[in-house]
């Protein structure tokens, strides 16, 4: 099981769910994992997927033996029009430019990170791509 979870604005949640449902039913009927939906209140953390925005979490898994990479990439493309923000510990398909657009305080976070860790000691290969 591999999981992608994107948060979309609360008022776009139903539309995002229906778009994802259509993708699964039409192109991936063999995927038997449920689409999980939950609502989350806005918060004030700079890199939170819920930063200053009530959100709907749209989460779905792909089976490792059923081409989950292609499936989850299609899921990400399906959710792209809904202004998504990724769950940081799950699969996502956002590069640095996309993350910068998704998170209003991204540049502020980068400046703080750099001031606290100028040598990048706490950045591994994955985090270096996003925050290095």
C-alpha atoms as a PDB file:
ATOM      1  CA  UNK A   1       0.000   0.000   0.000  1.00  0.00           C
ATOM      2  CA  UNK A   2       1.307   3.446  -1.002  1.00  0.00           C
ATOM      3  CA  UNK A   3      -0.670   6.569  -0.112  1.00  0.00           C
ATOM      4  CA  UNK A   4      -1.158  10.054  -1.512  1.00  0.00           C
ATOM      5  CA  UNK A   5      -2.991  12.654   0.560  1.00  0.00           C
ATOM      6  CA  UNK A   6      -3.688  16.153  -0.698  1.00  0.00           C
ATOM      7  CA  UNK A   7      -5.578  18.869   1.125  1.00  0.00           C
ATOM      8  CA  UNK A   8      -7.907  21.059  -0.914  1.00  0.00           C
ATOM      9  CA  UNK A   9      -9.896  24.125   0.140  1.00  0.00           C
ATOM     10  CA  UNK A  10     -13.003  23.131   2.066  1.00  0.00           C
ATOM     11  CA  UNK A  11     -15.394  24.580  -0.506  1.00  0.00           C
ATOM     12  CA  UNK A  12     -13.781  22.494  -3.286  1.00  0.00           C
ATOM     13  CA  UNK A  13     -13.778  19.192  -1.399  1.00  0.00           C
ATOM     14  CA  UNK A  14     -16.896  17.668  -2.933  1.00  0.00           C
ATOM     15  CA  UNK A  15     -15.787  18.592  -6.441  1.00  0.00           C
ATOM     16  CA  UNK A  16     -12.321  17.110  -5.829  1.00  0.00           C
ATOM     17  CA  UNK A  17     -13.827  13.886  -4.456  1.00  0.00           C
ATOM     18  CA  UNK A  18     -16.136  13.506  -7.454  1.00  0.00           C
ATOM     19  CA  UNK A  19     -13.255  14.066  -9.907  1.00  0.00           C
ATOM     20  CA  UNK A  20     -11.166  11.429  -8.134  1.00  0.00           C
ATOM     21  CA  UNK A  21     -14.104   9.020  -7.975  1.00  0.00           C
ATOM     22  CA  UNK A  22     -14.587   9.375 -11.722  1.00  0.00           C
ATOM     23  CA  UNK A  23     -10.885   8.684 -12.374  1.00  0.00           C
ATOM     24  CA  UNK A  24     -10.948   5.518 -10.270  1.00  0.00           C
ATOM     25  CA  UNK A  25     -14.177   4.163 -11.728  1.00  0.00           C
ATOM     26  CA  UNK A  26     -13.217   4.854 -15.339  1.00  0.00           C
ATOM     27  CA  UNK A  27      -9.486   4.124 -15.453  1.00  0.00           C
ATOM     28  CA  UNK A  28      -8.603   2.085 -12.335  1.00  0.00           C
ATOM     29  CA  UNK A  29     -11.569  -0.114 -11.382  1.00  0.00           C
ATOM     30  CA  UNK A  30      -9.154  -2.744 -10.029  1.00  0.00           C
ATOM     31  CA  UNK A  31      -8.070  -0.317  -7.292  1.00  0.00           C
ATOM     32  CA  UNK A  32     -10.182  -1.381  -4.323  1.00  0.00           C
ATOM     33  CA  UNK A  33      -8.827   1.038  -1.750  1.00  0.00           C
ATOM     34  CA  UNK A  34     -11.362   3.608  -0.513  1.00  0.00           C
ATOM     35  CA  UNK A  35     -11.097   7.330  -1.049  1.00  0.00           C
ATOM     36  CA  UNK A  36     -10.781   8.752   2.446  1.00  0.00           C
ATOM     37  CA  UNK A  37     -12.209  12.193   3.141  1.00  0.00           C
ATOM     38  CA  UNK A  38     -11.946  14.279   6.304  1.00  0.00           C
ATOM     39  CA  UNK A  39     -12.229  17.944   7.175  1.00  0.00           C
ATOM     40  CA  UNK A  40      -9.588  19.924   9.048  1.00  0.00           C
ATOM     41  CA  UNK A  41      -9.730  23.445  10.474  1.00  0.00           C
ATOM     42  CA  UNK A  42      -7.283  26.117   9.378  1.00  0.00           C
ATOM     43  CA  UNK A  43      -4.128  26.736  11.399  1.00  0.00           C
ATOM     44  CA  UNK A  44      -1.199  29.146  11.375  1.00  0.00           C
ATOM     45  CA  UNK A  45       1.860  26.957  10.797  1.00  0.00           C
ATOM     46  CA  UNK A  46       3.784  28.173   7.734  1.00  0.00           C
ATOM     47  CA  UNK A  47       4.169  24.772   6.057  1.00  0.00           C
ATOM     48  CA  UNK A  48       0.965  23.211   7.288  1.00  0.00           C
ATOM     49  CA  UNK A  49      -1.339  21.966   4.529  1.00  0.00           C
ATOM     50  CA  UNK A  50      -4.078  23.762   6.505  1.00  0.00           C
ATOM     51  CA  UNK A  51      -2.315  27.142   6.730  1.00  0.00           C
ATOM     52  CA  UNK A  52      -5.045  29.799   6.968  1.00  0.00           C
ATOM     53  CA  UNK A  53      -7.492  27.551   5.120  1.00  0.00           C
ATOM     54  CA  UNK A  54     -10.193  25.145   6.244  1.00  0.00           C
ATOM     55  CA  UNK A  55      -9.532  22.053   4.190  1.00  0.00           C
ATOM     56  CA  UNK A  56     -10.743  18.705   3.001  1.00  0.00           C
ATOM     57  CA  UNK A  57      -8.203  15.908   3.030  1.00  0.00           C
ATOM     58  CA  UNK A  58      -8.490  13.615   0.011  1.00  0.00           C
ATOM     59  CA  UNK A  59      -6.493  10.443   0.519  1.00  0.00           C
ATOM     60  CA  UNK A  60      -6.187   7.260  -1.511  1.00  0.00           C
ATOM     61  CA  UNK A  61      -3.825   4.308  -1.673  1.00  0.00           C
ATOM     62  CA  UNK A  62      -2.390   2.369  -4.547  1.00  0.00           C
ATOM     63  CA  UNK A  63      -1.285  -1.244  -4.295  1.00  0.00           C
ATOM     64  CA  UNK A  64       2.409  -1.812  -4.866  1.00  0.00           C
ATOM     65  CA  UNK A  65       1.643  -4.689  -7.279  1.00  0.00           C
ATOM     66  CA  UNK A  66      -0.883  -2.736  -9.366  1.00  0.00           C
ATOM     67  CA  UNK A  67       1.313   0.052 -10.733  1.00  0.00           C
ATOM     68  CA  UNK A  68       0.772   2.460  -7.860  1.00  0.00           C
ATOM     69  CA  UNK A  69       3.211   5.036  -9.283  1.00  0.00           C
ATOM     70  CA  UNK A  70       1.152   5.593 -12.435  1.00  0.00           C
ATOM     71  CA  UNK A  71      -2.083   5.500 -10.456  1.00  0.00           C
ATOM     72  CA  UNK A  72      -0.992   8.010  -7.819  1.00  0.00           C
ATOM     73  CA  UNK A  73       0.512  10.296 -10.482  1.00  0.00           C
ATOM     74  CA  UNK A  74      -2.913  10.294 -12.169  1.00  0.00           C
ATOM     75  CA  UNK A  75      -4.537  11.019  -8.814  1.00  0.00           C
ATOM     76  CA  UNK A  76      -2.189  13.992  -8.336  1.00  0.00           C
ATOM     77  CA  UNK A  77      -2.963  15.323 -11.824  1.00  0.00           C
ATOM     78  CA  UNK A  78      -6.687  14.929 -11.146  1.00  0.00           C
ATOM     79  CA  UNK A  79      -6.415  16.937  -7.915  1.00  0.00           C
ATOM     80  CA  UNK A  80      -4.085  19.615  -9.337  1.00  0.00           C
ATOM     81  CA  UNK A  81      -6.907  21.975 -10.415  1.00  0.00           C
ATOM     82  CA  UNK A  82      -8.189  22.087  -6.812  1.00  0.00           C
ATOM     83  CA  UNK A  83      -5.236  24.029  -5.328  1.00  0.00           C
ATOM     84  CA  UNK A  84      -3.902  21.064  -3.330  1.00  0.00           C
ATOM     85  CA  UNK A  85      -1.280  20.994  -0.616  1.00  0.00           C
ATOM     86  CA  UNK A  86       0.493  17.708   0.157  1.00  0.00           C
ATOM     87  CA  UNK A  87       0.731  15.676   3.326  1.00  0.00           C
ATOM     88  CA  UNK A  88       4.476  15.905   3.996  1.00  0.00           C
ATOM     89  CA  UNK A  89       4.966  12.231   4.957  1.00  0.00           C
ATOM     90  CA  UNK A  90       3.079  10.723   2.029  1.00  0.00           C
ATOM     91  CA  UNK A  91       3.758  10.459  -1.674  1.00  0.00           C
ATOM     92  CA  UNK A  92       3.337  13.705  -3.559  1.00  0.00           C
ATOM     93  CA  UNK A  93       4.312  14.983  -6.977  1.00  0.00           C
ATOM     94  CA  UNK A  94       5.147  18.602  -6.210  1.00  0.00           C
ATOM     95  CA  UNK A  95       8.490  20.126  -7.073  1.00  0.00           C
ATOM     96  CA  UNK A  96       9.976  23.177  -5.389  1.00  0.00           C
ATOM     97  CA  UNK A  97       8.184  25.630  -7.698  1.00  0.00           C
ATOM     98  CA  UNK A  98       4.851  23.954  -7.075  1.00  0.00           C
ATOM     99  CA  UNK A  99       5.394  23.897  -3.301  1.00  0.00           C
ATOM    100  CA  UNK A 100       6.287  27.573  -3.362  1.00  0.00           C
ATOM    101  CA  UNK A 101       2.983  28.327  -5.106  1.00  0.00           C
ATOM    102  CA  UNK A 102       0.975  26.101  -2.744  1.00  0.00           C
ATOM    103  CA  UNK A 103       2.316  27.504   0.528  1.00  0.00           C
ATOM    104  CA  UNK A 104       1.950  31.295   0.966  1.00  0.00           C
ATOM    105  CA  UNK A 105       4.735  31.451   3.588  1.00  0.00           C
ATOM    106  CA  UNK A 106       7.162  29.131   1.777  1.00  0.00           C
ATOM    107  CA  UNK A 107       9.814  31.820   1.237  1.00  0.00           C
ATOM    108  CA  UNK A 108       9.514  33.006   4.837  1.00  0.00           C
ATOM    109  CA  UNK A 109      10.015  29.422   6.015  1.00  0.00           C
ATOM    110  CA  UNK A 110      13.093  29.065   3.776  1.00  0.00           C
ATOM    111  CA  UNK A 111      14.646  32.195   5.276  1.00  0.00           C
ATOM    112  CA  UNK A 112      14.040  30.950   8.821  1.00  0.00           C
ATOM    113  CA  UNK A 113      15.371  27.482   7.973  1.00  0.00           C
ATOM    114  CA  UNK A 114      18.498  28.952   6.443  1.00  0.00           C
ATOM    115  CA  UNK A 115      19.126  31.230   9.439  1.00  0.00           C
ATOM    116  CA  UNK A 116      18.799  28.303  11.869  1.00  0.00           C
ATOM    117  CA  UNK A 117      20.676  25.754   9.729  1.00  0.00           C
ATOM    118  CA  UNK A 118      22.943  27.661   7.314  1.00  0.00           C
ATOM    119  CA  UNK A 119      25.000  24.581   6.409  1.00  0.00           C
ATOM    120  CA  UNK A 120      21.938  22.429   5.699  1.00  0.00           C
ATOM    121  CA  UNK A 121      22.891  19.830   8.313  1.00  0.00           C
ATOM    122  CA  UNK A 122      19.253  18.840   8.815  1.00  0.00           C
ATOM    123  CA  UNK A 123      18.473  18.500   5.114  1.00  0.00           C
ATOM    124  CA  UNK A 124      18.635  15.063   3.562  1.00  0.00           C
ATOM    125  CA  UNK A 125      18.360  14.361  -0.172  1.00  0.00           C
ATOM    126  CA  UNK A 126      14.563  14.698  -0.246  1.00  0.00           C
ATOM    127  CA  UNK A 127      14.376  17.845   1.883  1.00  0.00           C
ATOM    128  CA  UNK A 128      17.273  19.455  -0.005  1.00  0.00           C
ATOM    129  CA  UNK A 129      15.199  19.409  -3.174  1.00  0.00           C
ATOM    130  CA  UNK A 130      12.316  21.170  -1.441  1.00  0.00           C
ATOM    131  CA  UNK A 131      14.130  23.476   0.989  1.00  0.00           C
ATOM    132  CA  UNK A 132      17.845  23.582   0.132  1.00  0.00           C
END
